[in-house]
Protein backbone atom coordinates (compact mmCIF):
# COMPACT_ATOMS: atom_id res chain seq x y z
CA UNK A 1 -4.27 -18.20 -3.19
CA UNK A 2 -3.10 -21.43 -1.65
CA UNK A 3 -1.55 -20.09 1.57
CA UNK A 4 -2.97 -17.17 3.51
CA UNK A 5 -0.31 -14.52 3.03
CA UNK A 6 -0.47 -10.94 4.18
CA UNK A 7 -0.67 -8.66 1.14
CA UNK A 8 0.66 -5.12 1.46
CA UNK A 9 -1.11 -2.88 -1.06
CA UNK A 10 1.51 -0.25 -1.93
CA UNK A 11 1.94 2.75 -4.19
CA UNK A 12 1.94 6.51 -4.25
CA UNK A 13 -0.96 8.49 -2.80
CA UNK A 14 -4.05 8.40 -4.97
CA UNK A 15 -3.49 5.00 -6.58
CA UNK A 16 -6.48 3.53 -4.74
CA UNK A 17 -4.91 1.60 -1.88
CA UNK A 18 -7.82 2.44 0.43
CA UNK A 19 -10.39 1.53 -2.23
CA UNK A 20 -8.77 -1.61 -3.65
CA UNK A 21 -7.47 -2.92 -0.32
CA UNK A 22 -10.88 -3.77 1.19
CA UNK A 23 -12.12 -5.17 -2.13
CA UNK A 24 -9.03 -7.39 -2.35
CA UNK A 25 -9.45 -8.51 1.25
CA UNK A 26 -13.08 -9.41 0.57
CA UNK A 27 -12.11 -11.35 -2.57
CA UNK A 28 -9.47 -13.27 -0.61
CA UNK A 29 -11.67 -13.75 2.47
CA UNK A 30 -9.23 -12.08 4.87
CA UNK A 31 -9.34 -8.95 7.07
CA UNK A 32 -8.27 -5.52 5.86
CA UNK A 33 -6.31 -2.90 7.82
CA UNK A 34 -6.06 0.71 6.66
CA UNK A 35 -2.41 1.75 6.73
CA UNK A 36 -3.25 5.39 7.43
CA UNK A 37 -4.77 4.30 10.76
CA UNK A 38 -1.29 3.24 11.93
CA UNK A 39 0.12 6.80 11.58
CA UNK A 40 0.74 8.67 14.81
CA UNK A 41 -1.12 12.02 15.02
CA UNK A 42 2.12 13.96 14.42
CA UNK A 43 2.52 12.30 11.01
CA UNK A 44 -1.02 13.16 9.96
CA UNK A 45 -0.55 16.77 11.08
CA UNK A 46 2.69 16.99 9.12
CA UNK A 47 1.17 15.59 5.91
CA UNK A 48 -1.98 17.71 6.32
CA UNK A 49 0.30 20.76 6.39
CA UNK A 50 1.83 19.65 3.08
CA UNK A 51 5.13 18.48 4.59
CA UNK A 52 6.41 15.10 3.39
CA UNK A 53 7.33 12.57 6.06
CA UNK A 54 10.98 11.70 6.52
CA UNK A 55 12.38 8.28 7.34
CA UNK A 56 12.32 9.00 11.09
CA UNK A 57 8.60 9.81 10.85
CA UNK A 58 7.91 6.60 8.95
CA UNK A 59 9.71 4.14 11.25
CA UNK A 60 7.04 3.86 13.99
CA UNK A 61 4.33 3.74 11.32
CA UNK A 62 6.09 0.93 9.43
CA UNK A 63 6.75 -0.92 12.68
CA UNK A 64 3.05 -0.78 13.60
CA UNK A 65 2.05 -2.10 10.16
CA UNK A 66 4.76 -4.77 10.41
CA UNK A 67 3.45 -5.85 13.82
CA UNK A 68 -0.07 -6.20 12.41
CA UNK A 69 1.25 -8.21 9.44
CA UNK A 70 3.28 -10.41 11.80
CA UNK A 71 0.16 -11.14 13.89
CA UNK A 72 -1.73 -12.10 10.71
CA UNK A 73 1.04 -14.41 9.41
CA UNK A 74 -0.46 -17.78 8.55
CA UNK A 75 -3.97 -16.36 8.72
CA UNK A 76 -3.79 -13.86 5.87
CA UNK A 77 -4.72 -10.23 5.61
CA UNK A 78 -4.49 -7.14 3.47
CA UNK A 79 -2.99 -3.87 4.66
CA UNK A 80 -2.29 -0.65 2.82
CA UNK A 81 1.05 1.13 3.05
CA UNK A 82 2.72 3.39 0.53
CA UNK A 83 5.95 1.37 1.07
CA UNK A 84 7.60 3.62 -1.51
CA UNK A 85 11.22 2.75 -0.74
CA UNK A 86 12.89 -0.64 -0.74
CA UNK A 87 14.17 0.04 2.79
CA UNK A 88 10.56 0.49 3.97
CA UNK A 89 9.54 -2.81 2.39
CA UNK A 90 12.61 -4.45 3.93
CA UNK A 91 11.49 -3.16 7.33
CA UNK A 92 8.03 -4.66 6.79
CA UNK A 93 9.57 -7.96 5.65
CA UNK A 94 11.82 -8.01 8.73
CA UNK A 95 8.69 -7.90 10.92
CA UNK A 96 6.63 -10.24 8.72
CA UNK A 97 8.88 -12.25 6.37
CA UNK A 98 6.03 -13.75 4.34
CA UNK A 99 4.42 -10.51 3.17
CA UNK A 100 3.65 -10.11 -0.51
CA UNK A 101 3.42 -6.68 -2.12
CA UNK A 102 0.75 -5.50 -4.55
CA UNK A 103 2.12 -2.35 -6.21
CA UNK A 104 -0.67 -0.21 -7.63
CA UNK A 105 0.81 1.74 -10.53
CA UNK A 106 -0.54 4.32 -12.87
CA UNK A 107 -0.16 7.41 -14.97
CA UNK A 108 0.59 10.53 -12.91
CA UNK A 109 -2.23 12.55 -14.54
CA UNK A 110 -4.81 9.87 -13.69
CA UNK A 111 -3.60 9.63 -10.10
CA UNK A 112 -3.61 13.41 -9.65
CA UNK A 113 -7.16 13.62 -11.03
CA UNK A 114 -8.32 10.94 -8.61
CA UNK A 115 -6.63 12.74 -5.72
CA UNK A 116 -8.44 16.00 -6.53
CA UNK A 117 -11.78 14.16 -6.65
CA UNK A 118 -11.53 12.50 -3.24
CA UNK A 119 -13.00 14.17 -0.20
CA UNK A 120 -11.80 14.34 3.39
CA UNK A 121 -8.30 12.92 2.92
CA UNK A 122 -5.32 14.55 4.62
CA UNK A 123 -2.84 14.01 1.76
CA UNK A 124 -2.73 17.07 -0.52
CA UNK A 125 -1.97 16.71 -4.24
CA UNK A 126 1.05 18.97 -3.64
CA UNK A 127 2.85 15.95 -2.15
CA UNK A 128 2.34 13.78 -5.25
CA UNK A 129 5.63 14.88 -6.86
CA UNK A 130 7.56 13.96 -3.71
CA UNK A 131 5.80 10.58 -3.67
CA UNK A 132 6.84 9.82 -7.27
CA UNK A 133 10.39 11.06 -6.56
CA UNK A 134 10.64 8.72 -3.57
CA UNK A 135 9.08 5.67 -5.26
CA UNK A 136 11.37 2.71 -5.83
CA UNK A 137 9.37 0.06 -7.74
CA UNK A 138 9.48 -3.56 -6.60
CA UNK A 139 12.75 -5.28 -7.33
CA UNK A 140 12.88 -8.60 -9.17
CA UNK A 141 13.90 -10.25 -5.90
CA UNK A 142 10.86 -8.92 -3.98
CA UNK A 143 7.74 -11.05 -3.58
CA UNK A 144 5.03 -9.09 -5.27
CA UNK A 145 3.24 -7.92 -8.38
CA UNK A 146 2.47 -4.61 -10.05
CA UNK A 147 -1.05 -3.85 -11.26
CA UNK A 148 -2.17 -0.85 -13.30
CA UNK A 149 -4.86 1.31 -11.70
CA UNK A 150 -6.77 2.25 -14.83
CA UNK A 151 -10.39 1.14 -14.83
CA UNK A 152 -12.88 0.61 -12.06
CA UNK A 153 -11.93 -0.51 -8.55
CA UNK A 154 -13.53 -3.87 -9.32
CA UNK A 155 -11.46 -4.29 -12.51
CA UNK A 156 -8.27 -3.38 -10.63
CA UNK A 157 -9.15 -5.88 -7.90
CA UNK A 158 -9.79 -8.64 -10.47
CA UNK A 159 -6.37 -7.97 -12.05
CA UNK A 160 -4.79 -7.97 -8.59
CA UNK A 161 -6.34 -11.30 -7.59
CA UNK A 162 -5.26 -12.85 -10.91
CA UNK A 163 -1.71 -11.48 -10.58
CA UNK A 164 -1.39 -12.70 -6.99
CA UNK A 165 -2.69 -16.14 -7.96
CA UNK A 166 -0.20 -16.27 -10.85
CA UNK A 167 2.54 -15.37 -8.38
CA UNK A 168 1.59 -18.53 -6.49
CA UNK A 169 1.02 -16.74 -3.22
């Protein structure tokens, strides 16, 4: 990538944001920030109880991610954030106008299987339907690419790097 952009790795729970994000950051030679770490404790408690977050819950989380992305502008970075709705991505872009989105996409059955296999994560598979219902894929006017999550994390990362390079980011 010619300029060090901040890449927001987005998608529904279970697509591999936390796995692919650090691999992508390493491939690009930039720091990685785990989006879940920006959640206030009340959000984690709510999701752990199986209750989806509402827009009010997400605002401070998105603002914290946006602030990190803004600080990394011109230096590059990778951060994970579900960023399921256009309005959430708009909020991130308002804080850090140069962000580029990497939308990890995949078959619901594959994603659910991966969610059931992971250990120690607060997001229950019961919230997957609400995630898919909320998801608004990237619009044609949004800077970003979509990459399928089938295959190994390394294969997904290779496709992501190639797609981002093709985007000219």
